[in-house]
Amino acid sequence: MSNLPLVYLARHGETAWTITGQHTGLTDLPLTQRGEMNARNLGGLIGDDSFARVFCSPLLRTRSTCELAGFGQRAELLDDLVEWNYGEYEGITTTEIRQKRPDWQIFRDGCPGGEMPADVAARADRVIKLVHSIPGNVLLFSSGHFFRVLAAGWLKLEPTGGELLFLGTATLSILGYDHTLDEPVLRLWNDNRHVVDCAMDPERDK
């Protein structure tokens, strides 16, 4: 990797609803036992790389992942890192939603009573601007759909670009640059080599 700054994205570990595929926005669920184990393993994958700042969503599942990964004492809570507000679709699976809206796609259509893609993209843009203002590497702890929108924004894509970026629980991804700061790229995506009992994540269809 180059000497240009990197942004590490650590997705929270497994919860009961990631197993069932229910949309988990602002519902404050704890990690499962396996989720806790994989959060600790995630810390080992991240290692002791030097980070200028560490930011974490205030939601319980994300804070727990951050703490178990070994960064709890350094982390600053950042509201913009919370997961997509699913509104009326909170706790509902994609299969159930598509029984009524067969062509529904969250990155295009958003959620009634919750956030639209532009709303989430606006939060992601604020996080990107914050990261750009910090000299050095940054570590972020957040959730799947938010990180997918964030990565799309990093690559200068529309929020719909997040549809192409599957992201499993307790995985590590890295945003960075190619040759210059004007060439944003994905350096690493969905690294799950440390994840115990890694199966197909139901969230891929959410």
N, C-alpha and C. Protein backbone atom coordinates (compact mmCIF):
# COMPACT_ATOMS: atom_id res chain seq x y z
N MET A 1 0.83 -1.19 0.00
CA MET A 1 0.00 0.00 0.00
C MET A 1 0.87 1.25 0.00
N SER A 2 0.34 2.33 -0.54
CA SER A 2 1.08 3.57 -0.63
C SER A 2 1.14 4.24 0.73
N ASN A 3 1.84 5.37 0.77
CA ASN A 3 1.94 6.14 2.01
C ASN A 3 0.78 7.11 2.18
N LEU A 4 -0.15 7.10 1.25
CA LEU A 4 -1.32 7.95 1.37
C LEU A 4 -2.22 7.43 2.49
N PRO A 5 -3.01 8.32 3.11
CA PRO A 5 -3.84 7.90 4.24
C PRO A 5 -4.88 6.86 3.85
N LEU A 6 -5.25 6.03 4.83
CA LEU A 6 -6.22 4.97 4.63
C LEU A 6 -7.38 5.13 5.61
N VAL A 7 -8.55 4.67 5.20
CA VAL A 7 -9.72 4.67 6.06
C VAL A 7 -10.17 3.22 6.24
N TYR A 8 -10.05 2.71 7.46
CA TYR A 8 -10.44 1.34 7.78
C TYR A 8 -11.92 1.33 8.17
N LEU A 9 -12.67 0.41 7.59
CA LEU A 9 -14.09 0.26 7.89
C LEU A 9 -14.31 -1.08 8.60
N ALA A 10 -14.73 -1.03 9.86
CA ALA A 10 -14.98 -2.24 10.63
C ALA A 10 -16.49 -2.38 10.86
N ARG A 11 -17.09 -3.37 10.22
CA ARG A 11 -18.52 -3.57 10.41
C ARG A 11 -18.77 -4.35 11.71
N HIS A 12 -19.87 -4.03 12.38
CA HIS A 12 -20.19 -4.69 13.64
C HIS A 12 -20.42 -6.19 13.46
N GLY A 13 -20.30 -6.91 14.57
CA GLY A 13 -20.47 -8.36 14.55
C GLY A 13 -21.93 -8.79 14.45
N GLU A 14 -22.10 -10.09 14.42
CA GLU A 14 -23.41 -10.71 14.25
C GLU A 14 -24.37 -10.37 15.39
N THR A 15 -25.64 -10.16 15.05
CA THR A 15 -26.74 -10.02 16.02
C THR A 15 -27.81 -11.04 15.65
N ALA A 16 -28.82 -11.16 16.50
CA ALA A 16 -29.91 -12.09 16.21
C ALA A 16 -30.60 -11.74 14.90
N TRP A 17 -30.69 -10.45 14.59
CA TRP A 17 -31.40 -10.03 13.38
C TRP A 17 -30.55 -10.16 12.12
N THR A 18 -29.23 -10.13 12.23
CA THR A 18 -28.44 -10.38 11.03
C THR A 18 -28.55 -11.85 10.62
N ILE A 19 -28.80 -12.72 11.59
CA ILE A 19 -28.99 -14.14 11.29
C ILE A 19 -30.30 -14.35 10.54
N THR A 20 -31.36 -13.69 10.97
CA THR A 20 -32.68 -13.86 10.36
C THR A 20 -32.89 -12.97 9.15
N GLY A 21 -32.00 -12.00 8.93
CA GLY A 21 -32.13 -11.10 7.79
C GLY A 21 -33.09 -9.95 8.01
N GLN A 22 -33.45 -9.68 9.25
CA GLN A 22 -34.34 -8.55 9.54
C GLN A 22 -33.55 -7.24 9.49
N HIS A 23 -34.15 -6.24 8.91
CA HIS A 23 -33.49 -4.94 8.83
C HIS A 23 -33.29 -4.36 10.23
N THR A 24 -32.05 -4.05 10.54
CA THR A 24 -31.70 -3.55 11.86
C THR A 24 -31.12 -2.16 11.72
N GLY A 25 -31.96 -1.16 11.91
CA GLY A 25 -31.50 0.21 11.82
C GLY A 25 -31.14 0.75 13.18
N LEU A 26 -32.11 1.40 13.83
CA LEU A 26 -31.86 2.03 15.11
C LEU A 26 -32.24 1.13 16.30
N THR A 27 -32.78 -0.06 16.04
CA THR A 27 -33.04 -1.01 17.12
C THR A 27 -31.71 -1.41 17.75
N ASP A 28 -31.59 -1.26 19.07
CA ASP A 28 -30.29 -1.40 19.73
C ASP A 28 -30.06 -2.83 20.22
N LEU A 29 -29.75 -3.73 19.31
CA LEU A 29 -29.55 -5.13 19.65
C LEU A 29 -28.11 -5.40 20.09
N PRO A 30 -27.92 -6.36 21.00
CA PRO A 30 -26.57 -6.77 21.38
C PRO A 30 -26.00 -7.75 20.37
N LEU A 31 -24.71 -8.02 20.47
CA LEU A 31 -24.08 -9.04 19.64
C LEU A 31 -24.45 -10.42 20.17
N THR A 32 -24.46 -11.40 19.28
CA THR A 32 -24.56 -12.79 19.71
C THR A 32 -23.21 -13.23 20.27
N GLN A 33 -23.17 -14.40 20.85
CA GLN A 33 -21.90 -14.92 21.36
C GLN A 33 -20.88 -15.06 20.22
N ARG A 34 -21.34 -15.55 19.08
CA ARG A 34 -20.45 -15.66 17.93
C ARG A 34 -20.05 -14.27 17.43
N GLY A 35 -20.99 -13.32 17.51
CA GLY A 35 -20.67 -11.96 17.13
C GLY A 35 -19.57 -11.37 17.99
N GLU A 36 -19.60 -11.66 19.27
CA GLU A 36 -18.56 -11.19 20.19
C GLU A 36 -17.21 -11.82 19.85
N MET A 37 -17.23 -13.12 19.56
CA MET A 37 -16.00 -13.82 19.20
C MET A 37 -15.37 -13.21 17.94
N ASN A 38 -16.21 -12.96 16.94
CA ASN A 38 -15.69 -12.43 15.70
C ASN A 38 -15.25 -10.97 15.84
N ALA A 39 -15.86 -10.24 16.77
CA ALA A 39 -15.41 -8.87 17.03
C ALA A 39 -13.99 -8.88 17.62
N ARG A 40 -13.73 -9.83 18.50
CA ARG A 40 -12.37 -9.96 19.04
C ARG A 40 -11.39 -10.34 17.94
N ASN A 41 -11.81 -11.26 17.08
CA ASN A 41 -10.95 -11.66 15.98
C ASN A 41 -10.69 -10.50 15.02
N LEU A 42 -11.71 -9.66 14.86
CA LEU A 42 -11.57 -8.48 14.01
C LEU A 42 -10.46 -7.57 14.54
N GLY A 43 -10.39 -7.43 15.84
CA GLY A 43 -9.34 -6.64 16.44
C GLY A 43 -7.96 -7.16 16.08
N GLY A 44 -7.83 -8.49 16.05
CA GLY A 44 -6.56 -9.08 15.67
C GLY A 44 -6.21 -8.80 14.22
N LEU A 45 -7.21 -8.77 13.36
CA LEU A 45 -6.97 -8.48 11.94
C LEU A 45 -6.57 -7.02 11.75
N ILE A 46 -7.24 -6.12 12.46
CA ILE A 46 -6.90 -4.70 12.36
C ILE A 46 -5.49 -4.47 12.88
N GLY A 47 -5.14 -5.19 13.96
CA GLY A 47 -3.81 -5.09 14.53
C GLY A 47 -3.60 -3.78 15.27
N ASP A 48 -2.35 -3.42 15.44
CA ASP A 48 -2.01 -2.22 16.20
C ASP A 48 -1.58 -1.09 15.29
N ASP A 49 -2.15 -1.07 14.07
CA ASP A 49 -1.82 0.00 13.14
C ASP A 49 -2.08 1.36 13.81
N SER A 50 -1.27 2.32 13.47
CA SER A 50 -1.39 3.64 14.08
C SER A 50 -2.52 4.42 13.43
N PHE A 51 -3.53 4.79 14.22
CA PHE A 51 -4.66 5.56 13.71
C PHE A 51 -4.64 6.95 14.32
N ALA A 52 -4.81 7.95 13.47
CA ALA A 52 -4.88 9.32 13.96
C ALA A 52 -6.14 9.53 14.79
N ARG A 53 -7.26 8.91 14.34
CA ARG A 53 -8.54 9.01 15.06
C ARG A 53 -9.31 7.71 14.87
N VAL A 54 -10.17 7.41 15.84
CA VAL A 54 -11.07 6.27 15.77
C VAL A 54 -12.47 6.76 16.07
N PHE A 55 -13.42 6.47 15.19
CA PHE A 55 -14.80 6.90 15.38
C PHE A 55 -15.73 5.69 15.37
N CYS A 56 -16.82 5.79 16.13
CA CYS A 56 -17.73 4.66 16.28
C CYS A 56 -19.18 5.14 16.33
N SER A 57 -20.06 4.41 15.69
CA SER A 57 -21.49 4.64 15.83
C SER A 57 -21.90 4.45 17.29
N PRO A 58 -22.86 5.23 17.79
CA PRO A 58 -23.28 5.08 19.19
C PRO A 58 -24.17 3.86 19.45
N LEU A 59 -24.56 3.12 18.42
CA LEU A 59 -25.42 1.96 18.61
C LEU A 59 -24.67 0.84 19.35
N LEU A 60 -25.39 0.09 20.18
CA LEU A 60 -24.80 -0.91 21.06
C LEU A 60 -23.98 -1.94 20.31
N ARG A 61 -24.50 -2.49 19.23
CA ARG A 61 -23.80 -3.55 18.51
C ARG A 61 -22.46 -3.07 17.96
N THR A 62 -22.44 -1.78 17.59
CA THR A 62 -21.20 -1.22 17.04
C THR A 62 -20.22 -0.88 18.15
N ARG A 63 -20.72 -0.30 19.24
CA ARG A 63 -19.84 0.02 20.37
C ARG A 63 -19.23 -1.25 20.96
N SER A 64 -20.04 -2.30 21.05
CA SER A 64 -19.53 -3.57 21.59
C SER A 64 -18.43 -4.13 20.70
N THR A 65 -18.64 -4.06 19.38
CA THR A 65 -17.62 -4.53 18.44
C THR A 65 -16.33 -3.74 18.60
N CYS A 66 -16.46 -2.44 18.70
CA CYS A 66 -15.31 -1.56 18.88
C CYS A 66 -14.54 -1.91 20.15
N GLU A 67 -15.27 -2.10 21.24
CA GLU A 67 -14.63 -2.41 22.52
C GLU A 67 -13.94 -3.77 22.49
N LEU A 68 -14.63 -4.77 21.94
CA LEU A 68 -14.06 -6.12 21.89
C LEU A 68 -12.86 -6.19 20.95
N ALA A 69 -12.86 -5.32 19.95
CA ALA A 69 -11.73 -5.27 19.01
C ALA A 69 -10.53 -4.55 19.61
N GLY A 70 -10.75 -3.90 20.77
CA GLY A 70 -9.64 -3.27 21.47
C GLY A 70 -9.48 -1.78 21.27
N PHE A 71 -10.52 -1.13 20.73
CA PHE A 71 -10.41 0.30 20.45
C PHE A 71 -11.40 1.15 21.24
N GLY A 72 -12.06 0.55 22.23
CA GLY A 72 -13.08 1.26 22.97
C GLY A 72 -12.59 2.52 23.66
N GLN A 73 -11.40 2.49 24.22
CA GLN A 73 -10.90 3.64 24.97
C GLN A 73 -10.51 4.81 24.05
N ARG A 74 -10.23 4.50 22.81
CA ARG A 74 -9.81 5.54 21.88
C ARG A 74 -10.96 6.09 21.06
N ALA A 75 -12.05 5.36 20.98
CA ALA A 75 -13.12 5.70 20.04
C ALA A 75 -13.91 6.94 20.45
N GLU A 76 -14.26 7.73 19.46
CA GLU A 76 -15.14 8.89 19.64
C GLU A 76 -16.47 8.54 18.98
N LEU A 77 -17.57 8.71 19.70
CA LEU A 77 -18.88 8.40 19.14
C LEU A 77 -19.28 9.47 18.13
N LEU A 78 -19.82 9.01 17.01
CA LEU A 78 -20.19 9.93 15.92
C LEU A 78 -21.57 9.53 15.41
N ASP A 79 -22.55 10.41 15.60
CA ASP A 79 -23.93 10.11 15.24
C ASP A 79 -24.09 9.81 13.75
N ASP A 80 -23.29 10.45 12.91
CA ASP A 80 -23.42 10.25 11.46
C ASP A 80 -23.11 8.82 11.04
N LEU A 81 -22.50 8.02 11.92
CA LEU A 81 -22.15 6.64 11.58
C LEU A 81 -23.25 5.63 11.88
N VAL A 82 -24.41 6.08 12.38
CA VAL A 82 -25.48 5.12 12.66
C VAL A 82 -25.98 4.48 11.38
N GLU A 83 -26.60 3.32 11.52
CA GLU A 83 -27.13 2.60 10.37
C GLU A 83 -28.32 3.33 9.76
N TRP A 84 -28.65 2.97 8.56
CA TRP A 84 -29.82 3.48 7.82
C TRP A 84 -31.05 3.40 8.72
N ASN A 85 -31.82 4.46 8.78
CA ASN A 85 -33.10 4.45 9.48
C ASN A 85 -34.12 3.81 8.54
N TYR A 86 -34.55 2.59 8.87
CA TYR A 86 -35.42 1.84 7.97
C TYR A 86 -36.91 2.18 8.13
N GLY A 87 -37.25 3.01 9.10
CA GLY A 87 -38.63 3.44 9.24
C GLY A 87 -39.60 2.28 9.36
N GLU A 88 -40.56 2.22 8.46
CA GLU A 88 -41.59 1.18 8.49
C GLU A 88 -41.02 -0.22 8.18
N TYR A 89 -39.81 -0.28 7.66
CA TYR A 89 -39.21 -1.57 7.32
C TYR A 89 -38.29 -2.11 8.42
N GLU A 90 -38.23 -1.42 9.55
CA GLU A 90 -37.42 -1.89 10.67
C GLU A 90 -37.91 -3.26 11.14
N GLY A 91 -37.00 -4.21 11.27
CA GLY A 91 -37.35 -5.53 11.74
C GLY A 91 -37.99 -6.43 10.70
N ILE A 92 -38.09 -5.97 9.46
CA ILE A 92 -38.72 -6.73 8.38
C ILE A 92 -37.66 -7.20 7.39
N THR A 93 -37.83 -8.36 6.81
CA THR A 93 -36.87 -8.88 5.85
C THR A 93 -37.17 -8.36 4.44
N THR A 94 -36.17 -8.47 3.58
CA THR A 94 -36.36 -8.07 2.18
C THR A 94 -37.44 -8.91 1.51
N THR A 95 -37.46 -10.20 1.82
CA THR A 95 -38.48 -11.08 1.23
C THR A 95 -39.88 -10.60 1.58
N GLU A 96 -40.09 -10.20 2.82
CA GLU A 96 -41.40 -9.70 3.24
C GLU A 96 -41.74 -8.39 2.55
N ILE A 97 -40.78 -7.52 2.43
CA ILE A 97 -41.02 -6.23 1.77
C ILE A 97 -41.39 -6.44 0.32
N ARG A 98 -40.70 -7.36 -0.35
CA ARG A 98 -40.94 -7.56 -1.78
C ARG A 98 -42.20 -8.34 -2.08
N GLN A 99 -42.84 -8.86 -1.06
CA GLN A 99 -44.17 -9.44 -1.28
C GLN A 99 -45.17 -8.35 -1.64
N LYS A 100 -44.91 -7.13 -1.15
CA LYS A 100 -45.78 -5.99 -1.45
C LYS A 100 -45.16 -5.06 -2.50
N ARG A 101 -43.81 -5.02 -2.52
CA ARG A 101 -43.11 -4.17 -3.48
C ARG A 101 -42.04 -5.01 -4.18
N PRO A 102 -42.44 -5.78 -5.19
CA PRO A 102 -41.54 -6.76 -5.81
C PRO A 102 -40.23 -6.18 -6.35
N ASP A 103 -40.25 -4.93 -6.78
CA ASP A 103 -39.05 -4.35 -7.38
C ASP A 103 -38.28 -3.44 -6.41
N TRP A 104 -38.59 -3.54 -5.11
CA TRP A 104 -37.97 -2.63 -4.13
C TRP A 104 -36.47 -2.86 -4.04
N GLN A 105 -35.72 -1.76 -4.02
CA GLN A 105 -34.27 -1.79 -3.85
C GLN A 105 -33.90 -0.63 -2.92
N ILE A 106 -33.35 -0.95 -1.76
CA ILE A 106 -33.12 0.07 -0.75
C ILE A 106 -32.22 1.20 -1.22
N PHE A 107 -31.19 0.88 -1.99
CA PHE A 107 -30.25 1.91 -2.41
C PHE A 107 -30.84 2.85 -3.45
N ARG A 108 -31.98 2.47 -4.01
CA ARG A 108 -32.68 3.34 -4.96
C ARG A 108 -33.94 3.94 -4.35
N ASP A 109 -34.68 3.13 -3.57
CA ASP A 109 -36.01 3.53 -3.12
C ASP A 109 -36.08 4.01 -1.67
N GLY A 110 -35.11 3.65 -0.84
CA GLY A 110 -35.17 4.05 0.56
C GLY A 110 -36.29 3.38 1.32
N CYS A 111 -36.66 3.98 2.44
CA CYS A 111 -37.63 3.36 3.35
C CYS A 111 -38.72 4.35 3.76
N PRO A 112 -39.99 4.01 3.60
CA PRO A 112 -41.06 4.90 4.05
C PRO A 112 -41.01 5.11 5.55
N GLY A 113 -41.12 6.35 5.96
CA GLY A 113 -41.04 6.67 7.38
C GLY A 113 -39.63 6.68 7.91
N GLY A 114 -38.66 6.42 7.05
CA GLY A 114 -37.26 6.41 7.45
C GLY A 114 -36.43 7.29 6.52
N GLU A 115 -35.22 6.82 6.21
CA GLU A 115 -34.33 7.62 5.38
C GLU A 115 -34.39 7.20 3.91
N MET A 116 -34.24 8.20 3.05
CA MET A 116 -34.07 7.97 1.63
C MET A 116 -32.57 7.88 1.34
N PRO A 117 -32.19 7.32 0.18
CA PRO A 117 -30.76 7.21 -0.13
C PRO A 117 -30.01 8.53 -0.02
N ALA A 118 -30.63 9.62 -0.43
CA ALA A 118 -29.96 10.92 -0.37
C ALA A 118 -29.68 11.33 1.08
N ASP A 119 -30.55 10.92 2.00
CA ASP A 119 -30.34 11.25 3.42
C ASP A 119 -29.10 10.54 3.96
N VAL A 120 -28.99 9.25 3.64
CA VAL A 120 -27.84 8.47 4.11
C VAL A 120 -26.57 8.97 3.43
N ALA A 121 -26.67 9.30 2.14
CA ALA A 121 -25.51 9.80 1.41
C ALA A 121 -25.02 11.12 1.99
N ALA A 122 -25.94 11.95 2.46
CA ALA A 122 -25.53 13.22 3.06
C ALA A 122 -24.73 12.98 4.33
N ARG A 123 -25.14 12.00 5.13
CA ARG A 123 -24.37 11.66 6.34
C ARG A 123 -23.00 11.09 5.96
N ALA A 124 -23.00 10.23 4.93
CA ALA A 124 -21.74 9.65 4.48
C ALA A 124 -20.79 10.73 3.97
N ASP A 125 -21.32 11.70 3.27
CA ASP A 125 -20.49 12.79 2.75
C ASP A 125 -19.86 13.59 3.89
N ARG A 126 -20.61 13.77 4.97
CA ARG A 126 -20.05 14.49 6.12
C ARG A 126 -18.91 13.69 6.76
N VAL A 127 -19.08 12.37 6.80
CA VAL A 127 -18.01 11.53 7.35
C VAL A 127 -16.78 11.59 6.45
N ILE A 128 -16.99 11.56 5.16
CA ILE A 128 -15.87 11.63 4.21
C ILE A 128 -15.13 12.95 4.36
N LYS A 129 -15.86 14.05 4.50
CA LYS A 129 -15.22 15.35 4.69
C LYS A 129 -14.43 15.38 5.99
N LEU A 130 -14.98 14.77 7.04
CA LEU A 130 -14.26 14.70 8.31
C LEU A 130 -12.97 13.92 8.16
N VAL A 131 -13.05 12.78 7.50
CA VAL A 131 -11.88 11.93 7.30
C VAL A 131 -10.81 12.68 6.50
N HIS A 132 -11.24 13.40 5.47
CA HIS A 132 -10.29 14.15 4.64
C HIS A 132 -9.58 15.24 5.43
N SER A 133 -10.18 15.69 6.52
CA SER A 133 -9.57 16.77 7.30
C SER A 133 -8.53 16.26 8.30
N ILE A 134 -8.42 14.94 8.41
CA ILE A 134 -7.55 14.34 9.42
C ILE A 134 -6.28 13.80 8.76
N PRO A 135 -5.11 14.27 9.18
CA PRO A 135 -3.87 13.71 8.65
C PRO A 135 -3.59 12.34 9.27
N GLY A 136 -3.44 11.34 8.44
CA GLY A 136 -3.17 10.00 8.95
C GLY A 136 -4.33 9.05 8.73
N ASN A 137 -4.14 7.81 9.14
CA ASN A 137 -5.16 6.78 8.97
C ASN A 137 -6.29 6.94 9.98
N VAL A 138 -7.49 6.55 9.57
CA VAL A 138 -8.68 6.66 10.41
C VAL A 138 -9.38 5.31 10.44
N LEU A 139 -9.93 4.95 11.59
CA LEU A 139 -10.68 3.71 11.77
C LEU A 139 -12.12 4.04 12.12
N LEU A 140 -13.06 3.46 11.37
CA LEU A 140 -14.49 3.70 11.59
C LEU A 140 -15.18 2.38 11.93
N PHE A 141 -16.07 2.41 12.92
CA PHE A 141 -16.92 1.28 13.26
C PHE A 141 -18.37 1.66 12.96
N SER A 142 -19.02 0.90 12.09
CA SER A 142 -20.40 1.21 11.75
C SER A 142 -21.10 -0.05 11.24
N SER A 143 -22.13 0.15 10.42
CA SER A 143 -23.01 -0.94 9.99
C SER A 143 -22.97 -1.12 8.47
N GLY A 144 -23.58 -2.22 8.02
CA GLY A 144 -23.46 -2.64 6.63
C GLY A 144 -23.96 -1.69 5.58
N HIS A 145 -25.22 -1.31 5.65
CA HIS A 145 -25.77 -0.46 4.60
C HIS A 145 -25.15 0.93 4.62
N PHE A 146 -24.87 1.46 5.81
CA PHE A 146 -24.22 2.77 5.84
C PHE A 146 -22.84 2.71 5.20
N PHE A 147 -22.07 1.69 5.53
CA PHE A 147 -20.73 1.57 4.95
C PHE A 147 -20.78 1.40 3.44
N ARG A 148 -21.80 0.73 2.94
CA ARG A 148 -21.91 0.54 1.49
C ARG A 148 -22.19 1.87 0.79
N VAL A 149 -23.00 2.72 1.41
CA VAL A 149 -23.24 4.05 0.85
C VAL A 149 -21.98 4.91 0.98
N LEU A 150 -21.30 4.78 2.11
CA LEU A 150 -20.06 5.53 2.32
C LEU A 150 -19.02 5.17 1.27
N ALA A 151 -18.86 3.88 1.01
CA ALA A 151 -17.89 3.44 0.01
C ALA A 151 -18.26 3.94 -1.38
N ALA A 152 -19.55 3.92 -1.70
CA ALA A 152 -19.99 4.45 -2.99
C ALA A 152 -19.65 5.93 -3.10
N GLY A 153 -19.89 6.68 -2.03
CA GLY A 153 -19.56 8.09 -2.04
C GLY A 153 -18.06 8.33 -2.17
N TRP A 154 -17.28 7.50 -1.49
CA TRP A 154 -15.81 7.61 -1.58
C TRP A 154 -15.35 7.47 -3.03
N LEU A 155 -16.00 6.55 -3.76
CA LEU A 155 -15.65 6.29 -5.15
C LEU A 155 -16.33 7.25 -6.11
N LYS A 156 -17.02 8.26 -5.56
CA LYS A 156 -17.73 9.27 -6.35
C LYS A 156 -18.88 8.67 -7.16
N LEU A 157 -19.51 7.65 -6.59
CA LEU A 157 -20.68 7.02 -7.20
C LEU A 157 -21.94 7.49 -6.50
N GLU A 158 -23.07 7.29 -7.14
CA GLU A 158 -24.36 7.56 -6.51
C GLU A 158 -24.62 6.50 -5.44
N PRO A 159 -25.55 6.76 -4.51
CA PRO A 159 -25.85 5.77 -3.47
C PRO A 159 -26.22 4.40 -4.02
N THR A 160 -26.78 4.34 -5.23
CA THR A 160 -27.15 3.06 -5.82
C THR A 160 -25.92 2.17 -6.02
N GLY A 161 -24.73 2.76 -6.04
CA GLY A 161 -23.52 1.96 -6.16
C GLY A 161 -23.32 1.02 -5.00
N GLY A 162 -23.92 1.34 -3.85
CA GLY A 162 -23.81 0.47 -2.69
C GLY A 162 -24.42 -0.89 -2.91
N GLU A 163 -25.34 -1.00 -3.87
CA GLU A 163 -25.97 -2.29 -4.18
C GLU A 163 -24.94 -3.33 -4.60
N LEU A 164 -23.83 -2.89 -5.16
CA LEU A 164 -22.82 -3.79 -5.71
C LEU A 164 -21.80 -4.25 -4.68
N LEU A 165 -21.88 -3.73 -3.46
CA LEU A 165 -20.83 -3.94 -2.47
C LEU A 165 -21.34 -4.74 -1.26
N PHE A 166 -21.45 -6.04 -1.41
CA PHE A 166 -21.87 -6.88 -0.29
C PHE A 166 -20.87 -6.77 0.85
N LEU A 167 -21.39 -6.71 2.09
CA LEU A 167 -20.52 -6.55 3.25
C LEU A 167 -21.04 -7.42 4.40
N GLY A 168 -20.26 -8.41 4.80
CA GLY A 168 -20.65 -9.31 5.87
C GLY A 168 -20.37 -8.72 7.25
N THR A 169 -20.89 -9.40 8.28
CA THR A 169 -20.68 -8.94 9.65
C THR A 169 -19.24 -9.16 10.09
N ALA A 170 -18.75 -8.26 10.93
CA ALA A 170 -17.41 -8.32 11.53
C ALA A 170 -16.29 -8.33 10.50
N THR A 171 -16.56 -7.77 9.33
CA THR A 171 -15.54 -7.75 8.27
C THR A 171 -14.75 -6.44 8.30
N LEU A 172 -13.62 -6.47 7.64
CA LEU A 172 -12.77 -5.29 7.52
C LEU A 172 -12.63 -4.89 6.06
N SER A 173 -12.77 -3.60 5.82
CA SER A 173 -12.56 -3.04 4.48
C SER A 173 -11.66 -1.81 4.63
N ILE A 174 -11.01 -1.43 3.54
CA ILE A 174 -10.12 -0.27 3.59
C ILE A 174 -10.34 0.59 2.35
N LEU A 175 -10.62 1.86 2.58
CA LEU A 175 -10.71 2.85 1.51
C LEU A 175 -9.37 3.58 1.44
N GLY A 176 -8.96 3.91 0.24
CA GLY A 176 -7.69 4.62 0.10
C GLY A 176 -7.60 5.28 -1.26
N TYR A 177 -6.38 5.35 -1.78
CA TYR A 177 -6.12 6.03 -3.04
C TYR A 177 -5.18 5.19 -3.88
N ASP A 178 -5.16 5.49 -5.17
CA ASP A 178 -4.25 4.81 -6.07
C ASP A 178 -2.89 5.53 -6.06
N HIS A 179 -2.72 6.54 -6.90
CA HIS A 179 -1.44 7.24 -6.96
C HIS A 179 -1.47 8.58 -6.24
N THR A 180 -2.62 9.25 -6.26
CA THR A 180 -2.75 10.58 -5.66
C THR A 180 -4.06 10.67 -4.91
N LEU A 181 -4.24 11.76 -4.16
CA LEU A 181 -5.48 11.98 -3.41
C LEU A 181 -6.68 12.23 -4.33
N ASP A 182 -6.44 12.38 -5.60
CA ASP A 182 -7.53 12.56 -6.56
C ASP A 182 -7.99 11.24 -7.17
N GLU A 183 -7.44 10.13 -6.67
CA GLU A 183 -7.78 8.81 -7.23
C GLU A 183 -8.25 7.86 -6.13
N PRO A 184 -9.46 8.09 -5.60
CA PRO A 184 -9.96 7.21 -4.54
C PRO A 184 -10.25 5.81 -5.06
N VAL A 185 -9.91 4.81 -4.26
CA VAL A 185 -10.13 3.41 -4.65
C VAL A 185 -10.52 2.58 -3.43
N LEU A 186 -10.97 1.36 -3.68
CA LEU A 186 -11.11 0.36 -2.62
C LEU A 186 -9.78 -0.38 -2.52
N ARG A 187 -9.16 -0.33 -1.35
CA ARG A 187 -7.91 -1.05 -1.13
C ARG A 187 -8.18 -2.49 -0.67
N LEU A 188 -9.28 -2.65 0.04
CA LEU A 188 -9.65 -3.96 0.57
C LEU A 188 -11.15 -3.94 0.80
N TRP A 189 -11.81 -5.07 0.55
CA TRP A 189 -13.26 -5.08 0.77
C TRP A 189 -13.72 -6.43 1.32
N ASN A 190 -14.51 -6.38 2.40
CA ASN A 190 -15.19 -7.55 2.96
C ASN A 190 -14.21 -8.66 3.35
N ASP A 191 -13.13 -8.30 3.99
CA ASP A 191 -12.16 -9.30 4.45
C ASP A 191 -12.75 -10.05 5.63
N ASN A 192 -13.02 -11.34 5.44
CA ASN A 192 -13.66 -12.14 6.50
C ASN A 192 -12.83 -13.36 6.87
N ARG A 193 -11.52 -13.31 6.60
CA ARG A 193 -10.66 -14.47 6.86
C ARG A 193 -10.64 -14.85 8.34
N HIS A 194 -10.98 -13.91 9.22
CA HIS A 194 -10.94 -14.12 10.67
C HIS A 194 -12.28 -14.55 11.24
N VAL A 195 -13.32 -14.54 10.41
CA VAL A 195 -14.68 -14.77 10.90
C VAL A 195 -14.94 -16.26 11.11
N VAL A 196 -15.34 -16.61 12.31
CA VAL A 196 -15.62 -18.00 12.67
C VAL A 196 -17.01 -18.38 12.18
N ASP A 197 -17.13 -19.59 11.60
CA ASP A 197 -18.42 -20.09 11.10
C ASP A 197 -19.03 -19.11 10.12
N CYS A 198 -18.21 -18.64 9.21
CA CYS A 198 -18.69 -17.68 8.22
C CYS A 198 -19.61 -18.39 7.24
N ALA A 199 -20.88 -18.01 7.27
CA ALA A 199 -21.87 -18.56 6.34
C ALA A 199 -22.42 -17.43 5.49
N MET A 200 -23.31 -17.73 4.60
CA MET A 200 -23.92 -16.69 3.79
C MET A 200 -24.67 -15.73 4.71
N ASP A 201 -24.35 -14.46 4.61
CA ASP A 201 -24.95 -13.46 5.49
C ASP A 201 -26.30 -13.04 4.93
N PRO A 202 -27.39 -13.26 5.68
CA PRO A 202 -28.71 -12.88 5.18
C PRO A 202 -28.79 -11.40 4.81
N GLU A 203 -27.91 -10.57 5.36
CA GLU A 203 -28.00 -9.14 5.07
C GLU A 203 -27.68 -8.81 3.62
N ARG A 204 -27.12 -9.74 2.87
CA ARG A 204 -26.82 -9.45 1.48
C ARG A 204 -28.10 -9.13 0.70
N ASP A 205 -29.24 -9.62 1.17
CA ASP A 205 -30.50 -9.41 0.47
C ASP A 205 -31.33 -8.29 1.07
N LYS A 206 -30.79 -7.54 2.01
CA LYS A 206 -31.57 -6.53 2.69
C LYS A 206 -31.53 -5.19 1.97
